[in-house]
Amino acid sequence: MSMEKENRPWMDPQKSAGERADLLLREMTLKEKTGQLNQRLYGFRIYDRKNDAVTLKDEFYKEVENCEGLGALYGLYRS
């Protein structure tokens, strides 16, 4: 999927939410769409925190690669 701003019509605030969603879905590959189904709940084990900087660990990146995407990551600070 192109990430250049001029090639992202789904970012146009003049379009309705429905139009923007349709445009985005047309641009997404099947792999990107199925990756959105991957939703994970993680605690402390998925990141390192030093001072105010948070760094995701290799386990996170391996999970995203294994599942071919990530639709939602939540629960990072719940532990």
PDB file of N, CA and C in Angstrom:
ATOM      1  N   MET A   1       0.851  -1.171   0.000  1.00  0.00           N
ATOM      2  CA  MET A   1       0.000   0.000   0.000  1.00  0.00           C
ATOM      3  C   MET A   1       0.896   1.233   0.000  1.00  0.00           C
ATOM      4  N   SER A   2       0.564   2.182  -0.815  1.00  0.00           N
ATOM      5  CA  SER A   2       1.339   3.407  -0.927  1.00  0.00           C
ATOM      6  C   SER A   2       1.161   4.253   0.328  1.00  0.00           C
ATOM      7  N   MET A   3       2.247   4.814   0.795  1.00  0.00           N
ATOM      8  CA  MET A   3       2.157   5.648   1.992  1.00  0.00           C
ATOM      9  C   MET A   3       2.395   7.122   1.687  1.00  0.00           C
ATOM     10  N   GLU A   4       2.549   7.503   0.409  1.00  0.00           N
ATOM     11  CA  GLU A   4       2.697   8.908   0.069  1.00  0.00           C
ATOM     12  C   GLU A   4       1.353   9.601   0.257  1.00  0.00           C
ATOM     13  N   LYS A   5       1.365  10.758   0.895  1.00  0.00           N
ATOM     14  CA  LYS A   5       0.116  11.436   1.257  1.00  0.00           C
ATOM     15  C   LYS A   5      -0.801  11.662   0.063  1.00  0.00           C
ATOM     16  N   GLU A   6      -0.236  12.102  -1.076  1.00  0.00           N
ATOM     17  CA  GLU A   6      -1.074  12.380  -2.237  1.00  0.00           C
ATOM     18  C   GLU A   6      -1.699  11.108  -2.818  1.00  0.00           C
ATOM     19  N   ASN A   7      -1.174   9.958  -2.460  1.00  0.00           N
ATOM     20  CA  ASN A   7      -1.720   8.682  -2.942  1.00  0.00           C
ATOM     21  C   ASN A   7      -2.595   7.997  -1.902  1.00  0.00           C
ATOM     22  N   ARG A   8      -3.046   8.749  -0.897  1.00  0.00           N
ATOM     23  CA  ARG A   8      -3.890   8.183   0.156  1.00  0.00           C
ATOM     24  C   ARG A   8      -5.233   8.912   0.198  1.00  0.00           C
ATOM     25  N   PRO A   9      -6.090   8.662  -0.799  1.00  0.00           N
ATOM     26  CA  PRO A   9      -7.376   9.379  -0.829  1.00  0.00           C
ATOM     27  C   PRO A   9      -8.262   9.072   0.373  1.00  0.00           C
ATOM     28  N   TRP A  10      -8.024   7.977   1.062  1.00  0.00           N
ATOM     29  CA  TRP A  10      -8.816   7.635   2.247  1.00  0.00           C
ATOM     30  C   TRP A  10      -8.497   8.562   3.423  1.00  0.00           C
ATOM     31  N   MET A  11      -7.492   9.414   3.293  1.00  0.00           N
ATOM     32  CA  MET A  11      -7.145  10.370   4.338  1.00  0.00           C
ATOM     33  C   MET A  11      -7.822  11.729   4.115  1.00  0.00           C
ATOM     34  N   ASP A  12      -8.576  11.865   3.052  1.00  0.00           N
ATOM     35  CA  ASP A  12      -9.209  13.135   2.695  1.00  0.00           C
ATOM     36  C   ASP A  12     -10.380  13.426   3.637  1.00  0.00           C
ATOM     37  N   PRO A  13     -10.264  14.430   4.508  1.00  0.00           N
ATOM     38  CA  PRO A  13     -11.341  14.725   5.464  1.00  0.00           C
ATOM     39  C   PRO A  13     -12.612  15.253   4.794  1.00  0.00           C
ATOM     40  N   GLN A  14     -12.526  15.600   3.515  1.00  0.00           N
ATOM     41  CA  GLN A  14     -13.707  16.075   2.792  1.00  0.00           C
ATOM     42  C   GLN A  14     -14.626  14.914   2.395  1.00  0.00           C
ATOM     43  N   LYS A  15     -14.103  13.696   2.418  1.00  0.00           N
ATOM     44  CA  LYS A  15     -14.898  12.515   2.070  1.00  0.00           C
ATOM     45  C   LYS A  15     -15.602  11.985   3.324  1.00  0.00           C
ATOM     46  N   SER A  16     -16.714  11.315   3.119  1.00  0.00           N
ATOM     47  CA  SER A  16     -17.429  10.725   4.258  1.00  0.00           C
ATOM     48  C   SER A  16     -16.630   9.533   4.799  1.00  0.00           C
ATOM     49  N   ALA A  17     -16.956   9.128   6.009  1.00  0.00           N
ATOM     50  CA  ALA A  17     -16.274   7.983   6.609  1.00  0.00           C
ATOM     51  C   ALA A  17     -16.465   6.733   5.751  1.00  0.00           C
ATOM     52  N   GLY A  18     -17.664   6.548   5.207  1.00  0.00           N
ATOM     53  CA  GLY A  18     -17.934   5.392   4.361  1.00  0.00           C
ATOM     54  C   GLY A  18     -17.107   5.398   3.089  1.00  0.00           C
ATOM     55  N   GLU A  19     -16.996   6.560   2.461  1.00  0.00           N
ATOM     56  CA  GLU A  19     -16.186   6.679   1.252  1.00  0.00           C
ATOM     57  C   GLU A  19     -14.723   6.397   1.559  1.00  0.00           C
ATOM     58  N   ARG A  20     -14.255   6.930   2.669  1.00  0.00           N
ATOM     59  CA  ARG A  20     -12.858   6.729   3.049  1.00  0.00           C
ATOM     60  C   ARG A  20     -12.583   5.260   3.341  1.00  0.00           C
ATOM     61  N   ALA A  21     -13.508   4.602   4.029  1.00  0.00           N
ATOM     62  CA  ALA A  21     -13.333   3.174   4.318  1.00  0.00           C
ATOM     63  C   ALA A  21     -13.313   2.359   3.032  1.00  0.00           C
ATOM     64  N   ASP A  22     -14.219   2.648   2.106  1.00  0.00           N
ATOM     65  CA  ASP A  22     -14.247   1.937   0.829  1.00  0.00           C
ATOM     66  C   ASP A  22     -12.941   2.115   0.059  1.00  0.00           C
ATOM     67  N   LEU A  23     -12.432   3.334   0.032  1.00  0.00           N
ATOM     68  CA  LEU A  23     -11.176   3.605  -0.668  1.00  0.00           C
ATOM     69  C   LEU A  23     -10.012   2.846  -0.037  1.00  0.00           C
ATOM     70  N   LEU A  24      -9.970   2.847   1.283  1.00  0.00           N
ATOM     71  CA  LEU A  24      -8.897   2.142   1.980  1.00  0.00           C
ATOM     72  C   LEU A  24      -8.977   0.641   1.722  1.00  0.00           C
ATOM     73  N   LEU A  25     -10.161   0.077   1.848  1.00  0.00           N
ATOM     74  CA  LEU A  25     -10.310  -1.362   1.637  1.00  0.00           C
ATOM     75  C   LEU A  25      -9.953  -1.782   0.219  1.00  0.00           C
ATOM     76  N   ARG A  26     -10.213  -0.933  -0.755  1.00  0.00           N
ATOM     77  CA  ARG A  26      -9.835  -1.243  -2.137  1.00  0.00           C
ATOM     78  C   ARG A  26      -8.324  -1.268  -2.326  1.00  0.00           C
ATOM     79  N   GLU A  27      -7.630  -0.464  -1.547  1.00  0.00           N
ATOM     80  CA  GLU A  27      -6.166  -0.392  -1.652  1.00  0.00           C
ATOM     81  C   GLU A  27      -5.460  -1.521  -0.899  1.00  0.00           C
ATOM     82  N   MET A  28      -6.095  -2.028   0.142  1.00  0.00           N
ATOM     83  CA  MET A  28      -5.454  -3.052   0.975  1.00  0.00           C
ATOM     84  C   MET A  28      -5.390  -4.387   0.259  1.00  0.00           C
ATOM     85  N   THR A  29      -4.277  -5.082   0.492  1.00  0.00           N
ATOM     86  CA  THR A  29      -4.140  -6.442  -0.036  1.00  0.00           C
ATOM     87  C   THR A  29      -4.908  -7.399   0.870  1.00  0.00           C
ATOM     88  N   LEU A  30      -5.136  -8.604   0.392  1.00  0.00           N
ATOM     89  CA  LEU A  30      -5.790  -9.619   1.217  1.00  0.00           C
ATOM     90  C   LEU A  30      -4.962  -9.894   2.468  1.00  0.00           C
ATOM     91  N   LYS A  31      -3.656  -9.912   2.320  1.00  0.00           N
ATOM     92  CA  LYS A  31      -2.767 -10.141   3.459  1.00  0.00           C
ATOM     93  C   LYS A  31      -2.937  -9.036   4.505  1.00  0.00           C
ATOM     94  N   GLU A  32      -3.035  -7.793   4.061  1.00  0.00           N
ATOM     95  CA  GLU A  32      -3.237  -6.682   4.989  1.00  0.00           C
ATOM     96  C   GLU A  32      -4.592  -6.773   5.677  1.00  0.00           C
ATOM     97  N   LYS A  33      -5.595  -7.168   4.936  1.00  0.00           N
ATOM     98  CA  LYS A  33      -6.941  -7.292   5.522  1.00  0.00           C
ATOM     99  C   LYS A  33      -6.995  -8.405   6.561  1.00  0.00           C
ATOM    100  N   THR A  34      -6.434  -9.552   6.241  1.00  0.00           N
ATOM    101  CA  THR A  34      -6.459 -10.656   7.212  1.00  0.00           C
ATOM    102  C   THR A  34      -5.581 -10.329   8.411  1.00  0.00           C
ATOM    103  N   GLY A  35      -4.513  -9.565   8.216  1.00  0.00           N
ATOM    104  CA  GLY A  35      -3.668  -9.148   9.331  1.00  0.00           C
ATOM    105  C   GLY A  35      -4.425  -8.305  10.333  1.00  0.00           C
ATOM    106  N   GLN A  36      -5.451  -7.590   9.883  1.00  0.00           N
ATOM    107  CA  GLN A  36      -6.252  -6.768  10.780  1.00  0.00           C
ATOM    108  C   GLN A  36      -7.065  -7.608  11.768  1.00  0.00           C
ATOM    109  N   LEU A  37      -7.235  -8.887  11.479  1.00  0.00           N
ATOM    110  CA  LEU A  37      -7.980  -9.771  12.372  1.00  0.00           C
ATOM    111  C   LEU A  37      -7.151 -10.199  13.577  1.00  0.00           C
ATOM    112  N   ASN A  38      -5.839 -10.019  13.498  1.00  0.00           N
ATOM    113  CA  ASN A  38      -4.942 -10.384  14.587  1.00  0.00           C
ATOM    114  C   ASN A  38      -5.005  -9.313  15.665  1.00  0.00           C
ATOM    115  N   GLN A  39      -5.548  -9.659  16.812  1.00  0.00           N
ATOM    116  CA  GLN A  39      -5.630  -8.726  17.936  1.00  0.00           C
ATOM    117  C   GLN A  39      -5.028  -9.415  19.149  1.00  0.00           C
ATOM    118  N   ARG A  40      -4.072  -8.773  19.748  1.00  0.00           N
ATOM    119  CA  ARG A  40      -3.338  -9.389  20.846  1.00  0.00           C
ATOM    120  C   ARG A  40      -3.393  -8.544  22.107  1.00  0.00           C
ATOM    121  N   LEU A  41      -3.472  -9.235  23.214  1.00  0.00           N
ATOM    122  CA  LEU A  41      -3.428  -8.620  24.527  1.00  0.00           C
ATOM    123  C   LEU A  41      -2.085  -8.999  25.150  1.00  0.00           C
ATOM    124  N   TYR A  42      -1.245  -8.016  25.380  1.00  0.00           N
ATOM    125  CA  TYR A  42       0.076  -8.272  25.944  1.00  0.00           C
ATOM    126  C   TYR A  42       0.248  -7.526  27.249  1.00  0.00           C
ATOM    127  N   GLY A  43       1.172  -8.006  28.042  1.00  0.00           N
ATOM    128  CA  GLY A  43       1.552  -7.325  29.267  1.00  0.00           C
ATOM    129  C   GLY A  43       3.012  -6.922  29.184  1.00  0.00           C
ATOM    130  N   PHE A  44       3.695  -6.975  30.298  1.00  0.00           N
ATOM    131  CA  PHE A  44       5.079  -6.527  30.358  1.00  0.00           C
ATOM    132  C   PHE A  44       6.023  -7.307  29.449  1.00  0.00           C
ATOM    133  N   ARG A  45       5.718  -8.536  29.118  1.00  0.00           N
ATOM    134  CA  ARG A  45       6.690  -9.358  28.394  1.00  0.00           C
ATOM    135  C   ARG A  45       6.967  -8.894  26.969  1.00  0.00           C
ATOM    136  N   ILE A  46       6.162  -8.038  26.403  1.00  0.00           N
ATOM    137  CA  ILE A  46       6.283  -7.681  24.992  1.00  0.00           C
ATOM    138  C   ILE A  46       7.083  -6.395  24.759  1.00  0.00           C
ATOM    139  N   TYR A  47       7.464  -5.691  25.833  1.00  0.00           N
ATOM    140  CA  TYR A  47       8.209  -4.450  25.636  1.00  0.00           C
ATOM    141  C   TYR A  47       9.210  -4.202  26.756  1.00  0.00           C
ATOM    142  N   ASP A  48      10.172  -3.352  26.452  1.00  0.00           N
ATOM    143  CA  ASP A  48      11.115  -2.841  27.444  1.00  0.00           C
ATOM    144  C   ASP A  48      10.811  -1.366  27.625  1.00  0.00           C
ATOM    145  N   ARG A  49      10.934  -0.919  28.847  1.00  0.00           N
ATOM    146  CA  ARG A  49      10.685   0.499  29.125  1.00  0.00           C
ATOM    147  C   ARG A  49      11.858   1.059  29.918  1.00  0.00           C
ATOM    148  N   LYS A  50      12.461   2.093  29.367  1.00  0.00           N
ATOM    149  CA  LYS A  50      13.550   2.789  30.049  1.00  0.00           C
ATOM    150  C   LYS A  50      13.200   4.261  30.050  1.00  0.00           C
ATOM    151  N   ASN A  51      13.137   4.833  31.237  1.00  0.00           N
ATOM    152  CA  ASN A  51      12.694   6.212  31.404  1.00  0.00           C
ATOM    153  C   ASN A  51      11.306   6.341  30.771  1.00  0.00           C
ATOM    154  N   ASP A  52      11.144   7.195  29.784  1.00  0.00           N
ATOM    155  CA  ASP A  52       9.853   7.354  29.119  1.00  0.00           C
ATOM    156  C   ASP A  52       9.813   6.679  27.757  1.00  0.00           C
ATOM    157  N   ALA A  53      10.858   5.943  27.396  1.00  0.00           N
ATOM    158  CA  ALA A  53      10.921   5.294  26.075  1.00  0.00           C
ATOM    159  C   ALA A  53      10.450   3.844  26.173  1.00  0.00           C
ATOM    160  N   VAL A  54       9.595   3.464  25.251  1.00  0.00           N
ATOM    161  CA  VAL A  54       9.091   2.084  25.169  1.00  0.00           C
ATOM    162  C   VAL A  54       9.611   1.472  23.883  1.00  0.00           C
ATOM    163  N   THR A  55      10.216   0.293  23.993  1.00  0.00           N
ATOM    164  CA  THR A  55      10.736  -0.429  22.836  1.00  0.00           C
ATOM    165  C   THR A  55      10.079  -1.803  22.783  1.00  0.00           C
ATOM    166  N   LEU A  56       9.486  -2.135  21.656  1.00  0.00           N
ATOM    167  CA  LEU A  56       8.862  -3.451  21.507  1.00  0.00           C
ATOM    168  C   LEU A  56       9.934  -4.512  21.310  1.00  0.00           C
ATOM    169  N   LYS A  57       9.730  -5.678  21.902  1.00  0.00           N
ATOM    170  CA  LYS A  57      10.706  -6.770  21.835  1.00  0.00           C
ATOM    171  C   LYS A  57      10.540  -7.582  20.551  1.00  0.00           C
ATOM    172  N   ASP A  58      11.534  -8.399  20.280  1.00  0.00           N
ATOM    173  CA  ASP A  58      11.516  -9.261  19.092  1.00  0.00           C
ATOM    174  C   ASP A  58      10.294 -10.168  19.081  1.00  0.00           C
ATOM    175  N   GLU A  59       9.820 -10.602  20.242  1.00  0.00           N
ATOM    176  CA  GLU A  59       8.636 -11.461  20.328  1.00  0.00           C
ATOM    177  C   GLU A  59       7.441 -10.808  19.637  1.00  0.00           C
ATOM    178  N   PHE A  60       7.296  -9.507  19.827  1.00  0.00           N
ATOM    179  CA  PHE A  60       6.215  -8.771  19.184  1.00  0.00           C
ATOM    180  C   PHE A  60       6.347  -8.827  17.662  1.00  0.00           C
ATOM    181  N   TYR A  61       7.531  -8.502  17.162  1.00  0.00           N
ATOM    182  CA  TYR A  61       7.741  -8.471  15.713  1.00  0.00           C
ATOM    183  C   TYR A  61       7.581  -9.856  15.091  1.00  0.00           C
ATOM    184  N   LYS A  62       8.006 -10.887  15.806  1.00  0.00           N
ATOM    185  CA  LYS A  62       7.824 -12.255  15.308  1.00  0.00           C
ATOM    186  C   LYS A  62       6.346 -12.617  15.231  1.00  0.00           C
ATOM    187  N   GLU A  63       5.568 -12.181  16.206  1.00  0.00           N
ATOM    188  CA  GLU A  63       4.123 -12.444  16.214  1.00  0.00           C
ATOM    189  C   GLU A  63       3.444 -11.754  15.032  1.00  0.00           C
ATOM    190  N   VAL A  64       3.807 -10.505  14.784  1.00  0.00           N
ATOM    191  CA  VAL A  64       3.228  -9.761  13.662  1.00  0.00           C
ATOM    192  C   VAL A  64       3.580 -10.448  12.349  1.00  0.00           C
ATOM    193  N   GLU A  65       4.830 -10.867  12.207  1.00  0.00           N
ATOM    194  CA  GLU A  65       5.253 -11.555  10.983  1.00  0.00           C
ATOM    195  C   GLU A  65       4.545 -12.900  10.846  1.00  0.00           C
ATOM    196  N   ASN A  66       4.456 -13.649  11.918  1.00  0.00           N
ATOM    197  CA  ASN A  66       3.817 -14.964  11.896  1.00  0.00           C
ATOM    198  C   ASN A  66       2.346 -14.876  11.501  1.00  0.00           C
ATOM    199  N   CYS A  67       1.661 -13.858  12.004  1.00  0.00           N
ATOM    200  CA  CYS A  67       0.233 -13.692  11.737  1.00  0.00           C
ATOM    201  C   CYS A  67      -0.036 -12.774  10.548  1.00  0.00           C
ATOM    202  N   GLU A  68       1.019 -12.330   9.895  1.00  0.00           N
ATOM    203  CA  GLU A  68       0.919 -11.496   8.696  1.00  0.00           C
ATOM    204  C   GLU A  68       0.191 -10.182   8.945  1.00  0.00           C
ATOM    205  N   GLY A  69       0.455  -9.586  10.081  1.00  0.00           N
ATOM    206  CA  GLY A  69      -0.120  -8.286  10.387  1.00  0.00           C
ATOM    207  C   GLY A  69      -0.608  -8.215  11.816  1.00  0.00           C
ATOM    208  N   LEU A  70      -1.065  -7.034  12.181  1.00  0.00           N
ATOM    209  CA  LEU A  70      -1.610  -6.822  13.517  1.00  0.00           C
ATOM    210  C   LEU A  70      -2.663  -5.750  13.438  1.00  0.00           C
ATOM    211  N   GLY A  71      -3.885  -6.083  13.812  1.00  0.00           N
ATOM    212  CA  GLY A  71      -4.996  -5.138  13.761  1.00  0.00           C
ATOM    213  C   GLY A  71      -5.102  -4.303  15.013  1.00  0.00           C
ATOM    214  N   ALA A  72      -4.766  -4.873  16.166  1.00  0.00           N
ATOM    215  CA  ALA A  72      -4.864  -4.131  17.421  1.00  0.00           C
ATOM    216  C   ALA A  72      -3.894  -4.715  18.425  1.00  0.00           C
ATOM    217  N   LEU A  73      -3.257  -3.850  19.140  1.00  0.00           N
ATOM    218  CA  LEU A  73      -2.361  -4.225  20.225  1.00  0.00           C
ATOM    219  C   LEU A  73      -2.856  -3.477  21.447  1.00  0.00           C
ATOM    220  N   TYR A  74      -3.263  -4.208  22.446  1.00  0.00           N
ATOM    221  CA  TYR A  74      -3.790  -3.554  23.637  1.00  0.00           C
ATOM    222  C   TYR A  74      -3.330  -4.271  24.893  1.00  0.00           C
ATOM    223  N   GLY A  75      -3.453  -3.603  26.004  1.00  0.00           N
ATOM    224  CA  GLY A  75      -3.065  -4.178  27.274  1.00  0.00           C
ATOM    225  C   GLY A  75      -1.592  -4.036  27.605  1.00  0.00           C
ATOM    226  N   LEU A  76      -0.870  -3.166  26.902  1.00  0.00           N
ATOM    227  CA  LEU A  76       0.558  -3.028  27.172  1.00  0.00           C
ATOM    228  C   LEU A  76       0.833  -2.560  28.600  1.00  0.00           C
ATOM    229  N   TYR A  77       0.019  -1.684  29.100  1.00  0.00           N
ATOM    230  CA  TYR A  77       0.290  -1.109  30.414  1.00  0.00           C
ATOM    231  C   TYR A  77      -0.589  -1.687  31.509  1.00  0.00           C
ATOM    232  N   ARG A  78      -1.316  -2.745  31.217  1.00  0.00           N
ATOM    233  CA  ARG A  78      -2.227  -3.290  32.208  1.00  0.00           C
ATOM    234  C   ARG A  78      -1.525  -4.157  33.240  1.00  0.00           C
ATOM    235  N   SER A  79      -0.349  -4.671  32.906  1.00  0.00           N
ATOM    236  CA  SER A  79       0.357  -5.582  33.823  1.00  0.00           C
ATOM    237  C   SER A  79       0.867  -4.866  35.046  1.00  0.00           C
TER     238      SER A  79
END
